[in-house]
Amino acid sequence: MILRDSNRSIMRQGGWVIWLHASIDTLWERIHRDELSHDTRPPLSDQPGRDELQSQIQSRLPLYDACADLMLDTTNNDPATLVNLIEKHRPSWIPCSI
């Protein structure tokens, strides 16, 4: 989604964009814990898996950065903490239903 200009435009026009990111090590661990990843995440290059992940993330960082209104690191944060951070930074024009 992030690779297409038109998608990034829709994201920016559509509302408040939150970028949930994590360290490469955390992402790699999460992918390996997911039993379906092997079947649902085909290789995108001929690089070894972790190297490919790092390369893909690095190339997309500027795109995510350009679209995000709020960036939150999920590496060491549980979902409840992330919800609290989102609520804390939520613009006043977005209604709260939490």
N, C-alpha and C. Protein backbone atom coordinates (compact mmCIF):
# COMPACT_ATOMS: atom_id res chain seq x y z
N MET A 1 0.81 -1.18 0.00
CA MET A 1 0.00 0.00 0.00
C MET A 1 0.86 1.26 0.00
N ILE A 2 1.88 1.30 0.82
CA ILE A 2 2.68 2.51 0.99
C ILE A 2 3.49 2.85 -0.26
N LEU A 3 3.72 1.89 -1.13
CA LEU A 3 4.57 2.12 -2.29
C LEU A 3 3.90 2.96 -3.38
N ARG A 4 2.60 2.97 -3.44
CA ARG A 4 1.89 3.72 -4.49
C ARG A 4 1.61 5.16 -4.06
N ASP A 5 1.94 6.10 -4.94
CA ASP A 5 1.66 7.51 -4.67
C ASP A 5 0.19 7.74 -4.38
N SER A 6 -0.66 7.10 -5.16
CA SER A 6 -2.11 7.30 -4.98
C SER A 6 -2.57 6.82 -3.61
N ASN A 7 -2.02 5.72 -3.12
CA ASN A 7 -2.38 5.22 -1.79
C ASN A 7 -1.91 6.17 -0.69
N ARG A 8 -0.69 6.69 -0.85
CA ARG A 8 -0.19 7.63 0.15
C ARG A 8 -1.04 8.90 0.16
N SER A 9 -1.47 9.33 -0.98
CA SER A 9 -2.34 10.51 -1.08
C SER A 9 -3.66 10.27 -0.35
N ILE A 10 -4.23 9.10 -0.56
CA ILE A 10 -5.49 8.75 0.12
C ILE A 10 -5.28 8.70 1.63
N MET A 11 -4.17 8.14 2.06
CA MET A 11 -3.88 8.08 3.48
C MET A 11 -3.81 9.48 4.08
N ARG A 12 -3.11 10.38 3.41
CA ARG A 12 -2.95 11.73 3.94
C ARG A 12 -4.27 12.50 3.94
N GLN A 13 -5.10 12.26 2.93
CA GLN A 13 -6.38 12.98 2.83
C GLN A 13 -7.47 12.36 3.68
N GLY A 14 -7.31 11.08 4.02
CA GLY A 14 -8.37 10.34 4.67
C GLY A 14 -8.50 10.51 6.16
N GLY A 15 -7.53 11.13 6.79
CA GLY A 15 -7.64 11.27 8.23
C GLY A 15 -6.30 11.29 8.91
N TRP A 16 -6.28 10.80 10.11
CA TRP A 16 -5.10 10.80 10.95
C TRP A 16 -4.37 9.47 10.78
N VAL A 17 -3.11 9.51 10.39
CA VAL A 17 -2.35 8.29 10.09
C VAL A 17 -1.38 7.99 11.23
N ILE A 18 -1.49 6.79 11.77
CA ILE A 18 -0.61 6.34 12.84
C ILE A 18 0.31 5.26 12.28
N TRP A 19 1.59 5.47 12.45
CA TRP A 19 2.60 4.52 11.99
C TRP A 19 3.07 3.73 13.20
N LEU A 20 2.71 2.46 13.25
CA LEU A 20 3.17 1.55 14.29
C LEU A 20 4.41 0.84 13.76
N HIS A 21 5.54 1.11 14.37
CA HIS A 21 6.78 0.50 13.89
C HIS A 21 7.46 -0.27 15.00
N ALA A 22 8.41 -1.10 14.61
CA ALA A 22 9.16 -1.91 15.57
C ALA A 22 10.56 -2.14 15.02
N SER A 23 11.44 -2.58 15.88
CA SER A 23 12.81 -2.88 15.45
C SER A 23 12.79 -4.06 14.48
N ILE A 24 13.83 -4.15 13.69
CA ILE A 24 13.95 -5.28 12.75
C ILE A 24 13.94 -6.60 13.51
N ASP A 25 14.65 -6.66 14.62
CA ASP A 25 14.68 -7.90 15.41
C ASP A 25 13.28 -8.28 15.89
N THR A 26 12.52 -7.30 16.35
CA THR A 26 11.16 -7.57 16.81
C THR A 26 10.28 -8.03 15.66
N LEU A 27 10.36 -7.37 14.53
CA LEU A 27 9.56 -7.77 13.37
C LEU A 27 9.92 -9.18 12.92
N TRP A 28 11.22 -9.47 12.88
CA TRP A 28 11.68 -10.80 12.47
C TRP A 28 11.15 -11.87 13.43
N GLU A 29 11.20 -11.58 14.72
CA GLU A 29 10.69 -12.51 15.71
C GLU A 29 9.19 -12.73 15.54
N ARG A 30 8.45 -11.67 15.32
CA ARG A 30 6.99 -11.77 15.14
C ARG A 30 6.64 -12.58 13.90
N ILE A 31 7.38 -12.37 12.84
CA ILE A 31 7.14 -13.13 11.61
C ILE A 31 7.36 -14.61 11.87
N HIS A 32 8.43 -14.93 12.57
CA HIS A 32 8.73 -16.34 12.84
C HIS A 32 7.77 -16.99 13.82
N ARG A 33 7.19 -16.22 14.72
CA ARG A 33 6.19 -16.77 15.65
C ARG A 33 4.86 -17.05 14.96
N ASP A 34 4.61 -16.36 13.86
CA ASP A 34 3.35 -16.51 13.14
C ASP A 34 3.41 -17.77 12.28
N GLU A 35 2.60 -18.74 12.64
CA GLU A 35 2.63 -20.03 11.94
C GLU A 35 2.24 -19.92 10.46
N LEU A 36 1.48 -18.89 10.10
CA LEU A 36 1.04 -18.74 8.71
C LEU A 36 2.02 -17.96 7.84
N SER A 37 2.99 -17.30 8.45
CA SER A 37 3.91 -16.45 7.69
C SER A 37 4.62 -17.19 6.57
N HIS A 38 5.03 -18.41 6.83
CA HIS A 38 5.77 -19.15 5.80
C HIS A 38 4.91 -19.32 4.54
N ASP A 39 3.62 -19.52 4.71
CA ASP A 39 2.72 -19.72 3.58
C ASP A 39 2.21 -18.42 2.98
N THR A 40 2.12 -17.37 3.79
CA THR A 40 1.48 -16.14 3.32
C THR A 40 2.44 -15.00 3.02
N ARG A 41 3.72 -15.17 3.31
CA ARG A 41 4.72 -14.13 3.05
C ARG A 41 5.76 -14.67 2.08
N PRO A 42 5.47 -14.58 0.79
CA PRO A 42 6.46 -15.07 -0.18
C PRO A 42 7.68 -14.14 -0.21
N PRO A 43 8.84 -14.66 -0.57
CA PRO A 43 10.02 -13.81 -0.68
C PRO A 43 9.78 -12.70 -1.71
N LEU A 44 10.32 -11.53 -1.43
CA LEU A 44 10.19 -10.40 -2.35
C LEU A 44 11.49 -10.18 -3.13
N SER A 45 12.52 -10.92 -2.75
CA SER A 45 13.82 -10.79 -3.43
C SER A 45 14.58 -12.09 -3.23
N ASP A 46 15.82 -12.10 -3.72
CA ASP A 46 16.65 -13.29 -3.52
C ASP A 46 17.53 -13.18 -2.27
N GLN A 47 17.31 -12.14 -1.45
CA GLN A 47 18.06 -11.97 -0.21
C GLN A 47 17.56 -12.95 0.85
N PRO A 48 18.45 -13.30 1.80
CA PRO A 48 17.98 -14.08 2.95
C PRO A 48 16.89 -13.30 3.69
N GLY A 49 15.99 -14.00 4.36
CA GLY A 49 14.80 -13.42 4.97
C GLY A 49 15.00 -12.17 5.80
N ARG A 50 15.89 -12.21 6.79
CA ARG A 50 16.08 -11.05 7.65
C ARG A 50 16.68 -9.88 6.88
N ASP A 51 17.62 -10.17 5.97
CA ASP A 51 18.21 -9.11 5.14
C ASP A 51 17.16 -8.48 4.24
N GLU A 52 16.28 -9.31 3.70
CA GLU A 52 15.20 -8.79 2.86
C GLU A 52 14.28 -7.88 3.68
N LEU A 53 13.93 -8.31 4.88
CA LEU A 53 13.09 -7.49 5.74
C LEU A 53 13.75 -6.14 6.00
N GLN A 54 15.02 -6.15 6.37
CA GLN A 54 15.75 -4.91 6.64
C GLN A 54 15.76 -4.01 5.40
N SER A 55 16.02 -4.58 4.26
CA SER A 55 16.06 -3.81 3.01
C SER A 55 14.70 -3.19 2.69
N GLN A 56 13.64 -3.99 2.84
CA GLN A 56 12.29 -3.50 2.56
C GLN A 56 11.91 -2.37 3.52
N ILE A 57 12.20 -2.54 4.78
CA ILE A 57 11.87 -1.51 5.77
C ILE A 57 12.66 -0.24 5.47
N GLN A 58 13.96 -0.36 5.25
CA GLN A 58 14.80 0.81 4.99
C GLN A 58 14.31 1.60 3.77
N SER A 59 13.92 0.90 2.73
CA SER A 59 13.47 1.60 1.52
C SER A 59 12.12 2.28 1.71
N ARG A 60 11.33 1.79 2.65
CA ARG A 60 9.99 2.35 2.88
C ARG A 60 9.93 3.39 3.99
N LEU A 61 10.96 3.48 4.80
CA LEU A 61 10.96 4.43 5.92
C LEU A 61 10.58 5.85 5.51
N PRO A 62 11.16 6.40 4.46
CA PRO A 62 10.81 7.78 4.09
C PRO A 62 9.33 7.90 3.67
N LEU A 63 8.78 6.86 3.10
CA LEU A 63 7.37 6.88 2.68
C LEU A 63 6.45 6.88 3.89
N TYR A 64 6.73 6.00 4.84
CA TYR A 64 5.94 5.97 6.07
C TYR A 64 6.07 7.30 6.81
N ASP A 65 7.29 7.80 6.90
CA ASP A 65 7.54 9.05 7.61
C ASP A 65 6.76 10.21 6.99
N ALA A 66 6.68 10.24 5.69
CA ALA A 66 5.97 11.33 5.00
C ALA A 66 4.46 11.28 5.22
N CYS A 67 3.93 10.12 5.51
CA CYS A 67 2.48 9.96 5.68
C CYS A 67 2.02 10.03 7.13
N ALA A 68 2.89 9.70 8.05
CA ALA A 68 2.47 9.53 9.45
C ALA A 68 2.27 10.85 10.18
N ASP A 69 1.14 10.93 10.87
CA ASP A 69 0.89 12.04 11.78
C ASP A 69 1.44 11.71 13.17
N LEU A 70 1.48 10.42 13.48
CA LEU A 70 1.98 9.96 14.77
C LEU A 70 2.74 8.66 14.53
N MET A 71 3.94 8.56 15.12
CA MET A 71 4.73 7.35 15.02
C MET A 71 4.87 6.75 16.42
N LEU A 72 4.54 5.47 16.54
CA LEU A 72 4.64 4.78 17.82
C LEU A 72 5.48 3.52 17.66
N ASP A 73 6.42 3.35 18.55
CA ASP A 73 7.27 2.16 18.54
C ASP A 73 6.57 1.06 19.32
N THR A 74 6.30 -0.04 18.65
CA THR A 74 5.61 -1.17 19.28
C THR A 74 6.59 -2.20 19.85
N THR A 75 7.88 -1.96 19.71
CA THR A 75 8.89 -2.93 20.14
C THR A 75 8.69 -3.36 21.58
N ASN A 76 8.56 -2.41 22.49
CA ASN A 76 8.45 -2.73 23.91
C ASN A 76 7.15 -2.25 24.53
N ASN A 77 6.16 -1.98 23.72
CA ASN A 77 4.88 -1.50 24.22
C ASN A 77 3.78 -2.54 23.99
N ASP A 78 2.98 -2.77 25.02
CA ASP A 78 1.86 -3.69 24.86
C ASP A 78 0.67 -2.91 24.26
N PRO A 79 -0.35 -3.62 23.79
CA PRO A 79 -1.49 -2.95 23.15
C PRO A 79 -2.16 -1.89 24.03
N ALA A 80 -2.29 -2.15 25.32
CA ALA A 80 -2.94 -1.18 26.20
C ALA A 80 -2.14 0.13 26.26
N THR A 81 -0.83 0.02 26.31
CA THR A 81 0.02 1.21 26.32
C THR A 81 -0.13 1.98 25.02
N LEU A 82 -0.16 1.26 23.92
CA LEU A 82 -0.32 1.91 22.61
C LEU A 82 -1.66 2.63 22.51
N VAL A 83 -2.72 2.02 23.00
CA VAL A 83 -4.03 2.66 23.01
C VAL A 83 -3.97 3.95 23.82
N ASN A 84 -3.34 3.91 24.98
CA ASN A 84 -3.22 5.10 25.81
C ASN A 84 -2.42 6.20 25.10
N LEU A 85 -1.35 5.81 24.41
CA LEU A 85 -0.55 6.80 23.68
C LEU A 85 -1.34 7.41 22.52
N ILE A 86 -2.10 6.58 21.84
CA ILE A 86 -2.92 7.09 20.73
C ILE A 86 -3.95 8.08 21.27
N GLU A 87 -4.60 7.71 22.36
CA GLU A 87 -5.59 8.60 22.96
C GLU A 87 -4.94 9.91 23.41
N LYS A 88 -3.78 9.83 24.00
CA LYS A 88 -3.08 11.02 24.48
C LYS A 88 -2.77 12.00 23.34
N HIS A 89 -2.43 11.46 22.18
CA HIS A 89 -2.02 12.29 21.04
C HIS A 89 -3.13 12.52 20.01
N ARG A 90 -4.28 11.98 20.28
CA ARG A 90 -5.41 12.07 19.35
C ARG A 90 -5.81 13.54 19.14
N PRO A 91 -5.93 13.95 17.88
CA PRO A 91 -6.40 15.31 17.62
C PRO A 91 -7.83 15.48 18.13
N SER A 92 -8.17 16.67 18.53
CA SER A 92 -9.50 16.93 19.12
C SER A 92 -10.63 16.70 18.11
N TRP A 93 -10.35 16.77 16.83
CA TRP A 93 -11.41 16.59 15.84
C TRP A 93 -11.78 15.11 15.63
N ILE A 94 -11.03 14.20 16.24
CA ILE A 94 -11.36 12.78 16.15
C ILE A 94 -12.12 12.40 17.41
N PRO A 95 -13.38 11.92 17.26
CA PRO A 95 -14.14 11.55 18.46
C PRO A 95 -13.50 10.38 19.18
N CYS A 96 -13.65 10.36 20.46
CA CYS A 96 -13.09 9.29 21.29
C CYS A 96 -14.17 8.27 21.61
N SER A 97 -13.89 7.01 21.28
CA SER A 97 -14.84 5.94 21.62
C SER A 97 -14.17 4.86 22.44
N ILE A 98 -13.03 5.18 23.03
CA ILE A 98 -12.29 4.19 23.82
C ILE A 98 -12.86 4.15 25.22
